[in-house]
Amino acid sequence: MTFCLETVALPIIDGSISTLLGIVMLGASKFAFVRKYFFLPYVIIVLIGAFNGLVVLPVALSVSWDMVVGFTGRGRRGDNGTGLLDGSNHGNIASVHPLNGGDDDEDEGGKKTQGDEVK
């Protein structure tokens, strides 16, 4: 979750502030209609979007990442706390997911169990 916030927090805050600065003139309008039906809804949408991008999505992505890693049974979080997948793939879940033709494992008889091509 820390990585998500480090990556997206500044652009979301920057976009929210620049959008609010762009519509602040609507808030200073003499017409109550403009303030009520243009400025206020726009401010609410920007604030909800910023909250969604800064709180809801990082939490949802970190929870879903843990579920995906648990589903594949590989690459659980290491002891170092980095959250990267263990092994040589360095966090690339696509390389270990069986539906993406991930690592081919052989069973005891030497047959391929994942990633077999249909002929």
C-alpha atoms as a PDB file:
ATOM      1  CA  MET A   1       0.000   0.000   0.000  1.00  0.00           C
ATOM      2  CA  THR A   2       2.919   2.312   0.678  1.00  0.00           C
ATOM      3  CA  PHE A   3       4.137   1.826  -2.889  1.00  0.00           C
ATOM      4  CA  CYS A   4       0.664   2.707  -4.231  1.00  0.00           C
ATOM      5  CA  LEU A   5       0.540   5.900  -2.213  1.00  0.00           C
ATOM      6  CA  GLU A   6       4.109   6.893  -3.098  1.00  0.00           C
ATOM      7  CA  THR A   7       3.320   6.403  -6.760  1.00  0.00           C
ATOM      8  CA  VAL A   8      -0.098   8.020  -7.152  1.00  0.00           C
ATOM      9  CA  ALA A   9      -0.561  10.416  -4.225  1.00  0.00           C
ATOM     10  CA  LEU A  10       1.263  13.394  -5.687  1.00  0.00           C
ATOM     11  CA  PRO A  11      -0.421  13.263  -9.129  1.00  0.00           C
ATOM     12  CA  ILE A  12      -3.869  12.874  -7.529  1.00  0.00           C
ATOM     13  CA  ILE A  13      -3.301  15.785  -5.151  1.00  0.00           C
ATOM     14  CA  ASP A  14      -1.859  17.893  -7.963  1.00  0.00           C
ATOM     15  CA  GLY A  15      -4.807  17.137 -10.239  1.00  0.00           C
ATOM     16  CA  SER A  16      -7.327  17.841  -7.501  1.00  0.00           C
ATOM     17  CA  ILE A  17      -5.766  21.165  -6.559  1.00  0.00           C
ATOM     18  CA  SER A  18      -5.418  22.321 -10.165  1.00  0.00           C
ATOM     19  CA  THR A  19      -9.045  21.379 -10.882  1.00  0.00           C
ATOM     20  CA  LEU A  20     -10.270  23.214  -7.795  1.00  0.00           C
ATOM     21  CA  LEU A  21      -8.215  26.266  -8.769  1.00  0.00           C
ATOM     22  CA  GLY A  22      -9.790  26.125 -12.203  1.00  0.00           C
ATOM     23  CA  ILE A  23     -13.337  26.198 -10.875  1.00  0.00           C
ATOM     24  CA  VAL A  24     -12.837  28.534  -7.900  1.00  0.00           C
ATOM     25  CA  MET A  25     -14.131  31.405 -10.030  1.00  0.00           C
ATOM     26  CA  LEU A  26     -17.489  29.650 -10.287  1.00  0.00           C
ATOM     27  CA  GLY A  27     -17.729  29.798  -6.507  1.00  0.00           C
ATOM     28  CA  ALA A  28     -17.324  33.561  -6.619  1.00  0.00           C
ATOM     29  CA  SER A  29     -20.186  33.969  -9.079  1.00  0.00           C
ATOM     30  CA  LYS A  30     -22.980  36.398  -8.281  1.00  0.00           C
ATOM     31  CA  PHE A  31     -25.570  33.894  -9.457  1.00  0.00           C
ATOM     32  CA  ALA A  32     -26.753  31.403  -6.864  1.00  0.00           C
ATOM     33  CA  PHE A  33     -27.741  29.053  -9.688  1.00  0.00           C
ATOM     34  CA  VAL A  34     -24.104  28.767 -10.855  1.00  0.00           C
ATOM     35  CA  ARG A  35     -22.812  28.174  -7.341  1.00  0.00           C
ATOM     36  CA  LYS A  36     -25.510  25.615  -6.526  1.00  0.00           C
ATOM     37  CA  TYR A  37     -25.639  23.617  -9.751  1.00  0.00           C
ATOM     38  CA  PHE A  38     -22.135  23.996 -11.205  1.00  0.00           C
ATOM     39  CA  PHE A  39     -19.598  24.841  -8.501  1.00  0.00           C
ATOM     40  CA  LEU A  40     -20.839  22.724  -5.594  1.00  0.00           C
ATOM     41  CA  PRO A  41     -21.359  19.469  -7.546  1.00  0.00           C
ATOM     42  CA  TYR A  42     -17.996  19.876  -9.265  1.00  0.00           C
ATOM     43  CA  VAL A  43     -16.220  20.380  -5.928  1.00  0.00           C
ATOM     44  CA  ILE A  44     -17.974  17.334  -4.474  1.00  0.00           C
ATOM     45  CA  ILE A  45     -16.979  15.197  -7.470  1.00  0.00           C
ATOM     46  CA  VAL A  46     -13.344  16.308  -7.211  1.00  0.00           C
ATOM     47  CA  LEU A  47     -13.227  15.609  -3.465  1.00  0.00           C
ATOM     48  CA  ILE A  48     -14.858  12.186  -3.858  1.00  0.00           C
ATOM     49  CA  GLY A  49     -12.439  11.368  -6.682  1.00  0.00           C
ATOM     50  CA  ALA A  50      -9.436  12.425  -4.595  1.00  0.00           C
ATOM     51  CA  PHE A  51     -10.658  10.358  -1.640  1.00  0.00           C
ATOM     52  CA  ASN A  52     -11.245   7.395  -3.927  1.00  0.00           C
ATOM     53  CA  GLY A  53      -7.769   7.665  -5.450  1.00  0.00           C
ATOM     54  CA  LEU A  54      -5.930   8.302  -2.190  1.00  0.00           C
ATOM     55  CA  VAL A  55      -7.759   5.931   0.168  1.00  0.00           C
ATOM     56  CA  VAL A  56     -10.159   3.473  -1.446  1.00  0.00           C
ATOM     57  CA  LEU A  57      -8.157   2.298  -4.468  1.00  0.00           C
ATOM     58  CA  PRO A  58      -4.805   1.761  -2.701  1.00  0.00           C
ATOM     59  CA  VAL A  59      -6.528  -0.276   0.014  1.00  0.00           C
ATOM     60  CA  ALA A  60      -8.532  -2.287  -2.531  1.00  0.00           C
ATOM     61  CA  LEU A  61      -5.446  -2.946  -4.664  1.00  0.00           C
ATOM     62  CA  SER A  62      -3.332  -4.026  -1.709  1.00  0.00           C
ATOM     63  CA  VAL A  63      -6.067  -6.406  -0.521  1.00  0.00           C
ATOM     64  CA  SER A  64      -6.624  -7.809  -4.004  1.00  0.00           C
ATOM     65  CA  TRP A  65      -2.856  -8.223  -4.474  1.00  0.00           C
ATOM     66  CA  ASP A  66      -2.707 -10.322  -1.322  1.00  0.00           C
ATOM     67  CA  MET A  67      -5.640 -12.401  -2.579  1.00  0.00           C
ATOM     68  CA  VAL A  68      -4.013 -12.950  -6.002  1.00  0.00           C
ATOM     69  CA  VAL A  69      -0.708 -13.942  -4.452  1.00  0.00           C
ATOM     70  CA  GLY A  70      -2.529 -16.309  -2.109  1.00  0.00           C
ATOM     71  CA  PHE A  71      -4.512 -17.759  -5.046  1.00  0.00           C
ATOM     72  CA  THR A  72      -1.431 -18.604  -7.084  1.00  0.00           C
ATOM     73  CA  GLY A  73       0.266 -20.144  -4.068  1.00  0.00           C
ATOM     74  CA  ARG A  74       3.560 -18.588  -5.076  1.00  0.00           C
ATOM     75  CA  GLY A  75       5.468 -15.517  -4.156  1.00  0.00           C
ATOM     76  CA  ARG A  76       4.100 -14.780  -0.736  1.00  0.00           C
ATOM     77  CA  ARG A  77       5.511 -11.686   0.881  1.00  0.00           C
ATOM     78  CA  GLY A  78       9.072 -12.164   2.005  1.00  0.00           C
ATOM     79  CA  ASP A  79      10.527 -11.526   5.424  1.00  0.00           C
ATOM     80  CA  ASN A  80      12.094  -8.286   4.227  1.00  0.00           C
ATOM     81  CA  GLY A  81       8.667  -6.624   3.995  1.00  0.00           C
ATOM     82  CA  THR A  82       9.121  -5.334   0.449  1.00  0.00           C
ATOM     83  CA  GLY A  83       5.944  -6.982  -0.787  1.00  0.00           C
ATOM     84  CA  LEU A  84       7.675  -8.188  -3.932  1.00  0.00           C
ATOM     85  CA  LEU A  85       7.259 -11.730  -5.064  1.00  0.00           C
ATOM     86  CA  ASP A  86      10.039 -14.032  -4.012  1.00  0.00           C
ATOM     87  CA  GLY A  87      12.132 -15.485  -6.794  1.00  0.00           C
ATOM     88  CA  SER A  88      13.442 -14.176 -10.055  1.00  0.00           C
ATOM     89  CA  ASN A  89      10.303 -12.501 -11.391  1.00  0.00           C
ATOM     90  CA  HIS A  90      10.615  -9.433  -9.097  1.00  0.00           C
ATOM     91  CA  GLY A  91       6.914  -8.797  -8.606  1.00  0.00           C
ATOM     92  CA  ASN A  92       5.590  -9.719 -12.028  1.00  0.00           C
ATOM     93  CA  ILE A  93       2.461 -11.708 -11.215  1.00  0.00           C
ATOM     94  CA  ALA A  94       1.789 -12.324 -14.920  1.00  0.00           C
ATOM     95  CA  SER A  95       4.854 -14.552 -15.160  1.00  0.00           C
ATOM     96  CA  VAL A  96       3.556 -16.957 -12.506  1.00  0.00           C
ATOM     97  CA  HIS A  97      -0.156 -16.972 -13.218  1.00  0.00           C
ATOM     98  CA  PRO A  98      -1.208 -20.276 -14.838  1.00  0.00           C
ATOM     99  CA  LEU A  99      -3.655 -18.585 -17.225  1.00  0.00           C
ATOM    100  CA  ASN A 100      -0.847 -16.471 -18.657  1.00  0.00           C
ATOM    101  CA  GLY A 101       1.276 -19.475 -19.571  1.00  0.00           C
ATOM    102  CA  GLY A 102       3.375 -19.087 -16.451  1.00  0.00           C
ATOM    103  CA  ASP A 103       6.080 -21.366 -15.168  1.00  0.00           C
ATOM    104  CA  ASP A 104       5.691 -24.879 -16.502  1.00  0.00           C
ATOM    105  CA  ASP A 105       5.877 -27.419 -13.728  1.00  0.00           C
ATOM    106  CA  GLU A 106       6.451 -31.073 -14.328  1.00  0.00           C
ATOM    107  CA  ASP A 107       4.695 -33.651 -12.231  1.00  0.00           C
ATOM    108  CA  GLU A 108       6.318 -36.849 -11.034  1.00  0.00           C
ATOM    109  CA  GLY A 109       5.916 -38.608 -14.391  1.00  0.00           C
ATOM    110  CA  GLY A 110       7.601 -35.824 -16.362  1.00  0.00           C
ATOM    111  CA  LYS A 111       4.354 -34.555 -17.876  1.00  0.00           C
ATOM    112  CA  LYS A 112       3.743 -30.861 -18.079  1.00  0.00           C
ATOM    113  CA  THR A 113       1.008 -29.701 -15.718  1.00  0.00           C
ATOM    114  CA  GLN A 114       0.674 -26.011 -16.642  1.00  0.00           C
ATOM    115  CA  GLY A 115       1.048 -24.091 -19.866  1.00  0.00           C
ATOM    116  CA  ASP A 116       0.574 -27.098 -22.158  1.00  0.00           C
ATOM    117  CA  GLU A 117      -0.200 -26.057 -25.688  1.00  0.00           C
ATOM    118  CA  VAL A 118      -3.204 -27.552 -27.398  1.00  0.00           C
ATOM    119  CA  LYS A 119      -2.272 -29.081 -30.747  1.00  0.00           C
END
